[in-house]
Amino acid sequence: MTDEDLLIRPHAADTGNDAQPTGRALPANLEAEAAFLGAVLIDNRVLEELSVALRPDHFFAPVHARIFDRVLALVDRQMVVTPVTLKPYFETDEALKQLGGTAYLARLTADGQGLLAARELAQQIYDLALLRELVSVGRELVENALDTSDEVEPMRQIEQAEAALYRVAEGASGGNEAEAFGVASRQALGLIEAAINSGGHVAGKTTGFDSINAKCGGLHDSDLIILAGRPGMGKSSLAMNIAYNCAARLKRDREDGIAKSTGAGVAVFSLEMSKDQLATRILAEQSGIPSEALRMGKISREDFLELSRASQRLNDLPLFIDDSAALSISALRTRARRLKRRHDIGLIVVDYLQLLQGSQRSQDNRVNEISEISRGLKTLAKELNVPVIALSQLSRAVEQRDDKRPMLSDLRESGSIEQDADMVWFIYREDYYLGNREPDASDEAKYNEWRAKMDQIFGLAELIVAKQRHGSTGRVRLKFEAKITRFSDLAEGDYGADDYG
């Protein structure tokens, strides 16, 4: 084999490539590119289902790259892209003329076979593009290694080769380029300015609770917040209160013409409760009518009118609920990306973490599966640059202690939850446990003592901030109205954030 045989040369493509066919052909599948483009032109929603971030430069045929580039530009402008709407942009394209002109666009959609495997076609186009990049790196390595002039520094060549391979790997993982500190510092100043403008409490998205915002500075982009508690503590209620508050703030700021809102569109992935159950909870909270009465229909005509008014107020709320059962972490990430693209969501709530499924390879070991899920949620928060609130169950160890306030060691099934989380919150209601220990009324002294204690703590809750990367730990006291599943701040002066640890 000669030196010439070691060099892999590109082949001439009838779709715009000018290279002449000599030696082996570069890895490419022009039929796959055409079939994928045809699928996109038939149904633009194909772009929302992709598991890889496909770019125009991933296409081998330059004309296919130009078509895909124009498709992305038009979709970004919320236009429907078809061969007809693409036609004006390619009437003077010389490469396309060689393929029959704009009629080629229509031929792409002729059989529609690409729709049957659009994700697989995209993956193949992406993989082949990476292989071509490796070929390019390899060719340069061979050419440089064959250079034996005196100026050559072998170690320098090795360093350059490593850097080139890392660039290819970085493209495969979708990693971001490193930024200069000046860029990062300007972003930090922007967050600080937003916190000042919000009154000095919220640097990220608002929770809707002054006490929690004061303790945590709101919900920070790219953070994973674990909200944990034993059954009956109100985890789902608090999460939905925060979701509603954040979405309602964005709606209100939009109506008032405020450009930089501390609110956000919210996506709720509820693996335990259905959409109508969650909607009932929100309606109960906003109307002040007990959710039990709503479910059983035990409301007056006046109550129903108030309910209708509350429903009307919530009509345009940027809150999106996905109640699909048995979601895998990969499916959740795909759906979250789609919601980010369509509705620019700024907060994700997952209820709850242990009901998600990991990949097939991790399901044989529950600890490994939970670890994969918690890492996946943290990765999702960073990828979409939004806070993710994931609810979590606690182990039964809490019930065995006299003081039933949760601790980090109570997080169920995996220490990786604590490791991956930027903040860990526990919700605790002492009245829940005291209510289960009601003494017999015949023992008047003991019953009166219990009653006095119950009157003192009834309707109070604690949000225990057990971990916070950005600040101190501590407790925040809240009011909880169980009948309408609503948490709220206590009256000013009645609550505080108690630091500990």
Protein backbone atom coordinates (compact mmCIF):
# COMPACT_ATOMS: atom_id res chain seq x y z
CA MET A 1 0.00 0.00 0.00
CA THR A 2 1.39 3.39 -1.00
CA ASP A 3 1.32 6.62 0.96
CA GLU A 4 -1.37 7.80 -1.42
CA ASP A 5 -3.62 4.91 -0.34
CA LEU A 6 -3.46 6.12 3.28
CA LEU A 7 -5.19 9.37 2.39
CA ILE A 8 -8.95 9.14 2.18
CA ARG A 9 -10.22 11.52 -0.46
CA PRO A 10 -13.75 12.94 -0.85
CA HIS A 11 -15.89 11.73 -3.70
CA ALA A 12 -17.80 13.94 -6.13
CA ALA A 13 -21.44 14.29 -5.20
CA ASP A 14 -24.09 15.09 -7.75
CA THR A 15 -25.58 17.48 -5.21
CA GLY A 16 -23.00 20.24 -5.30
CA ASN A 17 -19.66 18.76 -4.26
CA ASP A 18 -16.89 19.77 -6.65
CA ALA A 19 -14.29 17.23 -5.53
CA GLN A 20 -13.26 14.57 -8.05
CA PRO A 21 -13.60 10.88 -7.16
CA THR A 22 -10.13 9.59 -6.33
CA GLY A 23 -9.46 6.82 -3.82
CA ARG A 24 -11.93 6.03 -1.08
CA ALA A 25 -15.05 8.12 -0.51
CA LEU A 26 -15.66 10.09 2.66
CA PRO A 27 -18.32 8.62 4.98
CA ALA A 28 -21.65 10.04 3.81
CA ASN A 29 -25.17 8.94 2.92
CA LEU A 30 -26.77 11.36 0.48
CA GLU A 31 -29.94 9.27 0.32
CA ALA A 32 -30.33 9.56 4.10
CA GLU A 33 -29.85 13.34 3.90
CA ALA A 34 -32.49 13.63 1.17
CA ALA A 35 -34.94 11.37 3.03
CA PHE A 36 -34.49 13.35 6.25
CA LEU A 37 -35.00 16.70 4.52
CA GLY A 38 -38.11 15.27 2.87
CA ALA A 39 -39.48 14.24 6.28
CA VAL A 40 -38.84 17.73 7.69
CA LEU A 41 -40.57 19.40 4.73
CA ILE A 42 -43.59 17.12 5.15
CA ASP A 43 -43.82 17.65 8.92
CA ASN A 44 -41.77 20.44 10.52
CA ARG A 45 -42.43 18.91 13.96
CA VAL A 46 -39.80 16.29 13.14
CA LEU A 47 -37.22 18.88 14.26
CA GLU A 48 -38.65 18.86 17.79
CA GLU A 49 -38.22 15.10 18.18
CA LEU A 50 -34.51 14.85 17.35
CA SER A 51 -32.18 13.25 19.87
CA VAL A 52 -29.14 15.07 18.40
CA ALA A 53 -28.48 18.75 17.74
CA LEU A 54 -28.27 18.58 13.95
CA ARG A 55 -26.65 21.56 12.20
CA PRO A 56 -26.33 22.46 8.50
CA ASP A 57 -22.60 21.67 8.52
CA HIS A 58 -23.41 18.07 9.44
CA PHE A 59 -24.73 17.53 5.88
CA PHE A 60 -22.19 16.29 3.33
CA ALA A 61 -23.88 17.76 0.25
CA PRO A 62 -23.54 21.57 0.32
CA VAL A 63 -26.96 22.00 -1.29
CA HIS A 64 -28.53 19.89 1.46
CA ALA A 65 -26.74 22.02 4.04
CA ARG A 66 -28.15 25.19 2.48
CA ILE A 67 -31.66 23.72 2.40
CA PHE A 68 -31.46 22.71 6.06
CA ASP A 69 -30.04 26.09 7.05
CA ARG A 70 -32.98 27.85 5.38
CA VAL A 71 -35.45 25.44 7.01
CA LEU A 72 -34.09 26.26 10.48
CA ALA A 73 -34.22 29.99 9.79
CA LEU A 74 -37.86 29.85 8.68
CA VAL A 75 -38.94 27.56 11.53
CA ASP A 76 -37.28 29.96 13.97
CA ARG A 77 -39.56 32.67 12.54
CA GLN A 78 -42.51 30.34 13.25
CA MET A 79 -43.25 29.81 9.57
CA VAL A 80 -44.51 26.56 8.06
CA VAL A 81 -41.75 25.26 5.78
CA THR A 82 -42.73 23.33 2.64
CA PRO A 83 -41.20 22.99 -0.85
CA VAL A 84 -43.49 25.86 -1.88
CA THR A 85 -42.33 28.27 0.86
CA LEU A 86 -38.69 27.29 0.23
CA LYS A 87 -38.88 27.81 -3.53
CA PRO A 88 -38.18 31.60 -3.65
CA TYR A 89 -34.91 31.12 -1.76
CA PHE A 90 -33.47 28.59 -4.21
CA GLU A 91 -34.58 29.78 -7.64
CA THR A 92 -31.07 31.10 -8.37
CA ASP A 93 -29.14 28.28 -6.65
CA GLU A 94 -26.72 26.97 -9.30
CA ALA A 95 -26.13 23.58 -7.62
CA LEU A 96 -29.86 23.00 -7.38
CA LYS A 97 -30.28 23.83 -11.07
CA GLN A 98 -28.03 20.87 -11.89
CA LEU A 99 -30.50 18.65 -10.02
CA GLY A 100 -33.54 19.97 -11.86
CA GLY A 101 -34.05 23.29 -10.09
CA THR A 102 -36.65 23.88 -7.41
CA ALA A 103 -38.50 20.76 -8.57
CA TYR A 104 -35.84 18.90 -6.53
CA LEU A 105 -37.45 20.29 -3.35
CA ALA A 106 -40.73 18.65 -4.29
CA ARG A 107 -38.96 15.39 -5.15
CA LEU A 108 -37.58 15.26 -1.62
CA THR A 109 -41.11 14.81 -0.29
CA ALA A 110 -42.22 12.36 -3.00
CA ASP A 111 -42.37 9.11 -1.03
CA GLY A 112 -42.32 10.29 2.60
CA GLN A 113 -40.26 7.28 3.71
CA GLY A 114 -38.11 9.49 5.90
CA LEU A 115 -41.04 10.06 8.27
CA LEU A 116 -40.83 6.42 9.38
CA ALA A 117 -37.32 6.81 10.76
CA ALA A 118 -36.56 10.53 10.97
CA ARG A 119 -34.71 10.24 14.31
CA GLU A 120 -32.55 7.40 13.02
CA LEU A 121 -31.76 9.31 9.81
CA ALA A 122 -30.76 12.39 11.81
CA GLN A 123 -28.54 10.27 14.05
CA GLN A 124 -26.85 8.70 11.01
CA ILE A 125 -26.24 12.10 9.38
CA TYR A 126 -24.77 13.34 12.66
CA ASP A 127 -22.56 10.26 13.17
CA LEU A 128 -21.23 10.37 9.62
CA ALA A 129 -20.39 14.06 10.05
CA LEU A 130 -18.32 13.19 13.14
CA LEU A 131 -16.55 10.45 11.18
CA ARG A 132 -15.72 12.94 8.41
CA GLU A 133 -14.32 15.30 11.02
CA LEU A 134 -12.18 12.45 12.34
CA VAL A 135 -11.00 11.73 8.79
CA SER A 136 -9.99 15.36 8.43
CA VAL A 137 -8.09 15.26 11.70
CA GLY A 138 -6.48 11.97 10.70
CA ARG A 139 -5.40 13.28 7.32
CA GLU A 140 -3.77 16.28 8.97
CA LEU A 141 -2.04 14.00 11.49
CA VAL A 142 -0.62 11.83 8.69
CA GLU A 143 0.56 14.82 6.66
CA ASN A 144 2.22 16.45 9.67
CA ALA A 145 3.82 13.20 10.80
CA LEU A 146 5.37 12.72 7.34
CA ASP A 147 7.03 16.12 7.64
CA THR A 148 10.61 15.41 8.83
CA SER A 149 12.03 18.91 8.45
CA ASP A 150 14.24 20.32 11.18
CA GLU A 151 11.55 22.75 12.38
CA VAL A 152 9.18 19.92 13.34
CA GLU A 153 8.57 19.39 17.08
CA PRO A 154 6.99 15.96 17.62
CA MET A 155 5.66 16.76 21.10
CA ARG A 156 4.03 19.93 19.77
CA GLN A 157 2.36 17.85 17.05
CA ILE A 158 1.04 15.42 19.65
CA GLU A 159 -0.43 18.30 21.68
CA GLN A 160 -2.11 19.69 18.56
CA ALA A 161 -3.46 16.23 17.71
CA GLU A 162 -4.94 15.87 21.21
CA ALA A 163 -6.54 19.31 20.92
CA ALA A 164 -8.04 18.41 17.53
CA LEU A 165 -9.51 15.15 18.87
CA TYR A 166 -10.99 16.99 21.87
CA ARG A 167 -12.68 19.42 19.51
CA VAL A 168 -14.33 16.50 17.72
CA ALA A 169 -15.41 14.96 21.04
CA GLU A 170 -16.73 18.33 22.19
CA GLY A 171 -18.88 18.51 19.09
CA ALA A 172 -20.25 15.04 19.84
CA SER A 173 -21.20 15.98 23.40
CA GLY A 174 -22.63 19.36 22.46
CA GLY A 175 -20.29 21.10 24.90
CA ASN A 176 -19.97 24.86 25.02
CA GLU A 177 -16.79 26.78 24.30
CA ALA A 178 -14.97 28.12 27.34
CA GLU A 179 -15.71 31.78 27.91
CA ALA A 180 -13.42 34.56 29.06
CA PHE A 181 -13.90 35.68 32.65
CA GLY A 182 -15.07 39.08 31.43
CA VAL A 183 -18.08 37.47 29.73
CA ALA A 184 -18.94 35.47 32.85
CA SER A 185 -18.56 38.54 35.08
CA ARG A 186 -20.94 40.56 32.88
CA GLN A 187 -23.50 37.76 33.20
CA ALA A 188 -23.03 37.79 36.99
CA LEU A 189 -23.54 41.58 37.08
CA GLY A 190 -26.76 41.13 35.09
CA LEU A 191 -28.06 38.71 37.73
CA ILE A 192 -27.09 41.07 40.54
CA GLU A 193 -28.86 43.96 38.77
CA ALA A 194 -31.99 41.81 38.42
CA ALA A 195 -31.86 41.05 42.16
CA ILE A 196 -31.59 44.78 42.96
CA ASN A 197 -34.50 45.63 40.66
CA SER A 198 -36.64 42.95 42.31
CA GLY A 199 -36.27 44.60 45.69
CA GLY A 200 -33.12 42.88 46.83
CA HIS A 201 -34.46 39.34 47.18
CA VAL A 202 -34.70 37.57 43.81
CA ALA A 203 -31.66 36.90 41.65
CA GLY A 204 -33.39 34.18 39.62
CA LYS A 205 -36.99 33.06 39.15
CA THR A 206 -39.39 33.95 41.95
CA THR A 207 -40.95 31.29 44.17
CA GLY A 208 -43.79 33.67 45.01
CA PHE A 209 -42.86 33.47 48.72
CA ASP A 210 -41.02 36.45 50.17
CA SER A 211 -39.58 34.32 52.97
CA ILE A 212 -38.14 31.67 50.61
CA ASN A 213 -36.85 34.31 48.18
CA ALA A 214 -35.13 36.11 51.06
CA LYS A 215 -33.45 32.89 52.17
CA CYS A 216 -32.45 31.50 48.76
CA GLY A 217 -32.55 34.46 46.37
CA GLY A 218 -35.17 32.74 44.24
CA LEU A 219 -34.62 29.84 41.85
CA HIS A 220 -31.33 30.08 39.96
CA ASP A 221 -30.91 29.01 36.34
CA SER A 222 -29.14 25.65 35.86
CA ASP A 223 -29.82 24.67 39.51
CA LEU A 224 -31.32 21.34 40.58
CA ILE A 225 -33.52 21.83 43.64
CA ILE A 226 -34.64 18.71 45.50
CA LEU A 227 -37.89 19.19 47.46
CA ALA A 228 -38.33 16.20 49.75
CA GLY A 229 -40.65 15.11 52.52
CA ARG A 230 -42.64 12.22 53.92
CA PRO A 231 -46.14 11.53 52.51
CA GLY A 232 -48.72 14.03 53.75
CA MET A 233 -46.28 16.88 54.30
CA GLY A 234 -47.44 18.86 51.23
CA LYS A 235 -44.56 18.42 48.76
CA SER A 236 -46.80 18.46 45.70
CA SER A 237 -48.85 21.36 47.08
CA LEU A 238 -45.76 23.52 47.67
CA ALA A 239 -44.30 22.64 44.26
CA MET A 240 -47.56 23.54 42.50
CA ASN A 241 -47.82 26.77 44.52
CA ILE A 242 -44.34 27.75 43.35
CA ALA A 243 -45.13 26.72 39.76
CA TYR A 244 -48.32 28.79 39.78
CA ASN A 245 -46.66 31.81 41.43
CA CYS A 246 -43.81 31.83 38.90
CA ALA A 247 -46.12 31.48 35.89
CA ALA A 248 -48.59 34.06 37.25
CA ARG A 249 -45.77 36.56 37.80
CA LEU A 250 -44.70 36.21 34.15
CA LYS A 251 -48.32 36.64 32.99
CA ARG A 252 -48.76 39.75 35.15
CA ASP A 253 -45.45 41.30 34.05
CA ARG A 254 -46.31 40.71 30.39
CA GLU A 255 -49.64 42.45 30.85
CA ASP A 256 -47.87 45.37 32.55
CA GLY A 257 -45.26 45.59 29.79
CA ILE A 258 -42.34 44.66 32.06
CA ALA A 259 -39.53 43.27 29.89
CA LYS A 260 -37.38 41.55 32.54
CA SER A 261 -39.70 39.43 34.65
CA THR A 262 -38.74 37.30 37.64
CA GLY A 263 -41.51 34.97 36.55
CA ALA A 264 -41.27 32.25 33.92
CA GLY A 265 -43.21 29.78 31.86
CA VAL A 266 -43.38 26.52 33.81
CA ALA A 267 -43.43 22.87 32.73
CA VAL A 268 -44.78 20.39 35.29
CA PHE A 269 -44.12 16.69 34.76
CA SER A 270 -46.55 14.91 37.06
CA LEU A 271 -45.96 11.17 37.21
CA GLU A 272 -48.28 10.70 40.19
CA MET A 273 -51.29 12.99 39.70
CA SER A 274 -53.37 13.65 36.58
CA LYS A 275 -53.78 17.01 34.86
CA ASP A 276 -57.33 17.46 36.14
CA GLN A 277 -56.27 16.72 39.73
CA LEU A 278 -53.51 19.34 39.54
CA ALA A 279 -55.89 21.82 37.91
CA THR A 280 -58.40 21.20 40.70
CA ARG A 281 -55.73 21.99 43.29
CA ILE A 282 -54.85 25.28 41.61
CA LEU A 283 -58.51 26.24 41.22
CA ALA A 284 -59.12 25.42 44.90
CA GLU A 285 -56.19 27.58 45.95
CA GLN A 286 -57.22 30.54 43.77
CA SER A 287 -60.94 30.40 44.55
CA GLY A 288 -60.56 29.57 48.24
CA ILE A 289 -62.98 26.64 47.87
CA PRO A 290 -61.84 23.35 49.48
CA SER A 291 -60.60 20.89 46.87
CA GLU A 292 -62.63 18.10 48.48
CA ALA A 293 -65.81 20.11 47.90
CA LEU A 294 -64.81 20.67 44.29
CA ARG A 295 -64.21 16.95 43.69
CA MET A 296 -67.54 15.99 45.22
CA GLY A 297 -69.52 18.84 43.64
CA LYS A 298 -70.64 20.17 47.03
CA ILE A 299 -70.53 23.85 46.15
CA SER A 300 -73.14 26.55 45.86
CA ARG A 301 -74.06 28.51 42.75
CA GLU A 302 -72.08 31.48 44.12
CA ASP A 303 -69.06 29.24 44.68
CA PHE A 304 -69.32 27.98 41.11
CA LEU A 305 -69.37 31.56 39.79
CA GLU A 306 -66.25 32.34 41.83
CA LEU A 307 -64.68 29.18 40.44
CA SER A 308 -65.52 30.29 36.90
CA ARG A 309 -63.93 33.68 37.52
CA ALA A 310 -60.77 31.98 38.86
CA SER A 311 -60.69 29.71 35.81
CA GLN A 312 -61.01 32.73 33.52
CA ARG A 313 -58.08 34.44 35.25
CA LEU A 314 -55.97 31.33 34.68
CA ASN A 315 -56.91 30.96 31.02
CA ASP A 316 -53.64 32.33 29.59
CA LEU A 317 -51.38 31.12 32.39
CA PRO A 318 -48.00 29.98 30.93
CA LEU A 319 -48.15 26.70 32.87
CA PHE A 320 -47.88 23.40 30.99
CA ILE A 321 -48.67 20.01 32.55
CA ASP A 322 -47.48 16.64 31.24
CA ASP A 323 -49.05 13.76 33.19
CA SER A 324 -47.57 10.89 31.15
CA ALA A 325 -46.99 7.84 33.33
CA ALA A 326 -43.73 5.88 33.55
CA LEU A 327 -41.57 8.49 31.81
CA SER A 328 -37.90 7.70 31.35
CA ILE A 329 -35.33 10.38 32.11
CA SER A 330 -34.39 10.51 28.41
CA ALA A 331 -38.04 10.95 27.37
CA LEU A 332 -38.51 13.71 29.96
CA ARG A 333 -35.46 15.54 28.62
CA THR A 334 -36.78 15.30 25.06
CA ARG A 335 -40.19 16.67 26.10
CA ALA A 336 -38.59 19.45 28.13
CA ARG A 337 -36.48 20.52 25.15
CA ARG A 338 -39.63 20.63 23.02
CA LEU A 339 -41.43 22.81 25.58
CA LYS A 340 -38.39 25.08 25.80
CA ARG A 341 -38.41 25.49 22.03
CA ARG A 342 -42.15 26.02 21.71
CA HIS A 343 -42.95 28.03 24.84
CA ASP A 344 -39.57 29.21 26.21
CA ILE A 345 -40.21 27.65 29.62
CA GLY A 346 -37.99 28.93 32.44
CA LEU A 347 -38.79 26.45 35.23
CA ILE A 348 -39.32 22.68 35.32
CA VAL A 349 -41.07 20.76 38.12
CA VAL A 350 -40.86 16.96 38.34
CA ASP A 351 -43.27 15.13 40.68
CA TYR A 352 -41.61 12.93 41.63
CA LEU A 353 -38.04 11.69 41.05
CA GLN A 354 -38.48 8.05 42.16
CA LEU A 355 -41.25 7.50 39.58
CA LEU A 356 -38.93 8.28 36.68
CA GLN A 357 -37.22 5.41 34.90
CA GLY A 358 -33.56 5.14 33.97
CA SER A 359 -32.04 3.44 30.96
CA GLN A 360 -32.32 -0.32 30.49
CA ARG A 361 -28.72 -0.86 31.56
CA SER A 362 -29.32 0.84 34.94
CA GLN A 363 -32.62 -0.78 35.86
CA ASP A 364 -30.96 -3.88 37.35
CA ASN A 365 -29.63 -1.74 40.19
CA ARG A 366 -31.99 0.76 41.83
CA VAL A 367 -29.20 2.88 43.33
CA ASN A 368 -27.52 3.18 39.92
CA GLU A 369 -30.88 4.01 38.32
CA ILE A 370 -31.61 6.81 40.81
CA SER A 371 -28.07 8.11 40.32
CA GLU A 372 -28.59 8.20 36.56
CA ILE A 373 -31.91 10.03 37.01
CA SER A 374 -30.52 12.68 39.38
CA ARG A 375 -27.54 13.29 37.07
CA GLY A 376 -29.93 13.50 34.13
CA LEU A 377 -32.03 16.15 35.87
CA LYS A 378 -28.95 18.21 36.75
CA THR A 379 -27.74 17.89 33.14
CA LEU A 380 -31.16 19.03 31.92
CA ALA A 381 -31.04 22.10 34.20
CA LYS A 382 -27.63 23.07 32.76
CA GLU A 383 -28.54 22.25 29.15
CA LEU A 384 -31.73 24.35 29.12
CA ASN A 385 -30.34 26.88 31.63
CA VAL A 386 -33.44 26.71 33.83
CA PRO A 387 -34.02 25.71 37.46
CA VAL A 388 -35.39 22.19 37.92
CA ILE A 389 -37.40 21.35 41.05
CA ALA A 390 -37.57 17.59 41.57
CA LEU A 391 -39.72 16.16 44.34
CA SER A 392 -38.33 13.20 46.26
CA GLN A 393 -39.55 10.68 48.80
CA LEU A 394 -37.79 10.20 52.12
CA SER A 395 -36.95 6.90 53.81
CA ARG A 396 -38.98 5.59 56.75
CA ALA A 397 -36.07 6.35 59.08
CA VAL A 398 -37.77 9.68 59.81
CA GLU A 399 -40.67 7.88 61.50
CA GLN A 400 -38.36 6.07 63.92
CA ARG A 401 -37.03 9.29 65.51
CA ASP A 402 -38.62 11.45 68.19
CA ASP A 403 -37.68 14.57 66.24
CA LYS A 404 -39.17 13.87 62.83
CA ARG A 405 -37.54 16.78 61.06
CA PRO A 406 -35.85 15.31 57.97
CA MET A 407 -32.08 15.23 57.46
CA LEU A 408 -29.95 14.78 54.33
CA SER A 409 -29.30 11.16 55.30
CA ASP A 410 -33.04 10.50 54.91
CA LEU A 411 -32.97 11.03 51.14
CA ARG A 412 -34.19 7.76 49.74
CA GLU A 413 -32.19 5.21 47.74
CA SER A 414 -29.14 7.18 46.67
CA GLY A 415 -26.59 9.61 48.04
CA SER A 416 -26.16 10.95 44.50
CA ILE A 417 -29.38 12.95 44.93
CA GLU A 418 -27.70 15.06 47.60
CA GLN A 419 -24.50 15.22 45.54
CA ASP A 420 -26.18 16.38 42.31
CA ALA A 421 -28.52 18.87 43.99
CA ASP A 422 -27.63 22.55 44.28
CA MET A 423 -30.30 22.97 46.95
CA VAL A 424 -32.11 20.44 49.12
CA TRP A 425 -35.36 21.52 50.75
CA PHE A 426 -37.38 19.49 53.24
CA ILE A 427 -40.99 20.28 54.05
CA TYR A 428 -42.06 19.49 57.63
CA ARG A 429 -45.37 19.98 59.44
CA GLU A 430 -45.39 19.22 63.13
CA ASP A 431 -49.21 19.43 63.32
CA TYR A 432 -49.43 16.40 60.98
CA TYR A 433 -47.59 14.19 63.46
CA LEU A 434 -49.21 15.71 66.55
CA GLY A 435 -52.66 15.24 64.98
CA ASN A 436 -51.97 11.51 64.71
CA ARG A 437 -51.23 11.35 68.44
CA GLU A 438 -54.52 12.77 69.68
CA PRO A 439 -55.17 11.37 73.22
CA ASP A 440 -58.49 10.06 74.46
CA ALA A 441 -60.76 12.93 75.56
CA SER A 442 -61.51 11.04 78.80
CA ASP A 443 -58.04 11.99 80.05
CA GLU A 444 -58.92 15.66 80.35
CA ALA A 445 -55.53 16.95 81.49
CA LYS A 446 -53.60 15.18 78.72
CA TYR A 447 -56.21 16.11 76.13
CA ASN A 448 -56.16 19.81 77.11
CA GLU A 449 -52.36 19.83 76.95
CA TRP A 450 -52.53 18.27 73.48
CA ARG A 451 -55.22 20.73 72.39
CA ALA A 452 -53.19 23.74 73.56
CA LYS A 453 -50.12 22.52 71.68
CA MET A 454 -52.21 21.80 68.58
CA ASP A 455 -53.71 25.30 68.63
CA GLN A 456 -50.19 26.73 68.82
CA ILE A 457 -48.77 24.89 65.79
CA PHE A 458 -51.83 24.16 63.62
CA GLY A 459 -51.41 25.35 60.05
CA LEU A 460 -47.67 26.05 60.42
CA ALA A 461 -45.01 24.45 58.23
CA GLU A 462 -41.25 24.58 58.01
CA LEU A 463 -39.21 24.63 54.83
CA ILE A 464 -35.82 23.30 55.90
CA VAL A 465 -33.02 24.42 53.58
CA ALA A 466 -30.60 21.57 54.31
CA LYS A 467 -28.18 22.30 51.46
CA GLN A 468 -27.54 25.45 49.45
CA ARG A 469 -24.49 25.96 47.25
CA HIS A 470 -25.16 29.71 47.03
CA GLY A 471 -25.80 30.51 50.68
CA SER A 472 -26.48 29.37 54.20
CA THR A 473 -28.78 26.60 55.38
CA GLY A 474 -31.67 27.21 57.74
CA ARG A 475 -35.44 27.10 58.21
CA VAL A 476 -38.25 29.18 56.77
CA ARG A 477 -41.65 29.16 58.46
CA LEU A 478 -44.77 29.12 56.28
CA LYS A 479 -48.52 28.97 56.71
CA PHE A 480 -50.37 25.96 55.25
CA GLU A 481 -54.10 25.78 54.56
CA ALA A 482 -54.71 22.08 54.01
CA LYS A 483 -58.29 22.39 52.72
CA ILE A 484 -57.24 24.47 49.73
CA THR A 485 -53.67 23.04 49.58
CA ARG A 486 -52.12 26.51 49.80
CA PHE A 487 -48.85 27.58 51.37
CA SER A 488 -48.24 31.25 52.06
CA ASP A 489 -45.91 33.56 53.92
CA LEU A 490 -46.68 34.19 57.57
CA ALA A 491 -47.56 37.74 58.60
CA GLU A 492 -44.49 39.99 58.63
CA GLY A 493 -42.57 39.57 61.84
CA ASP A 494 -44.00 36.10 62.52
CA TYR A 495 -41.41 34.26 60.45
CA GLY A 496 -37.70 34.22 60.11
CA ALA A 497 -34.95 32.21 58.51
CA ASP A 498 -33.12 30.36 61.28
CA ASP A 499 -29.56 29.52 60.27
CA TYR A 500 -28.02 26.30 61.46
CA GLY A 501 -25.28 23.85 60.61
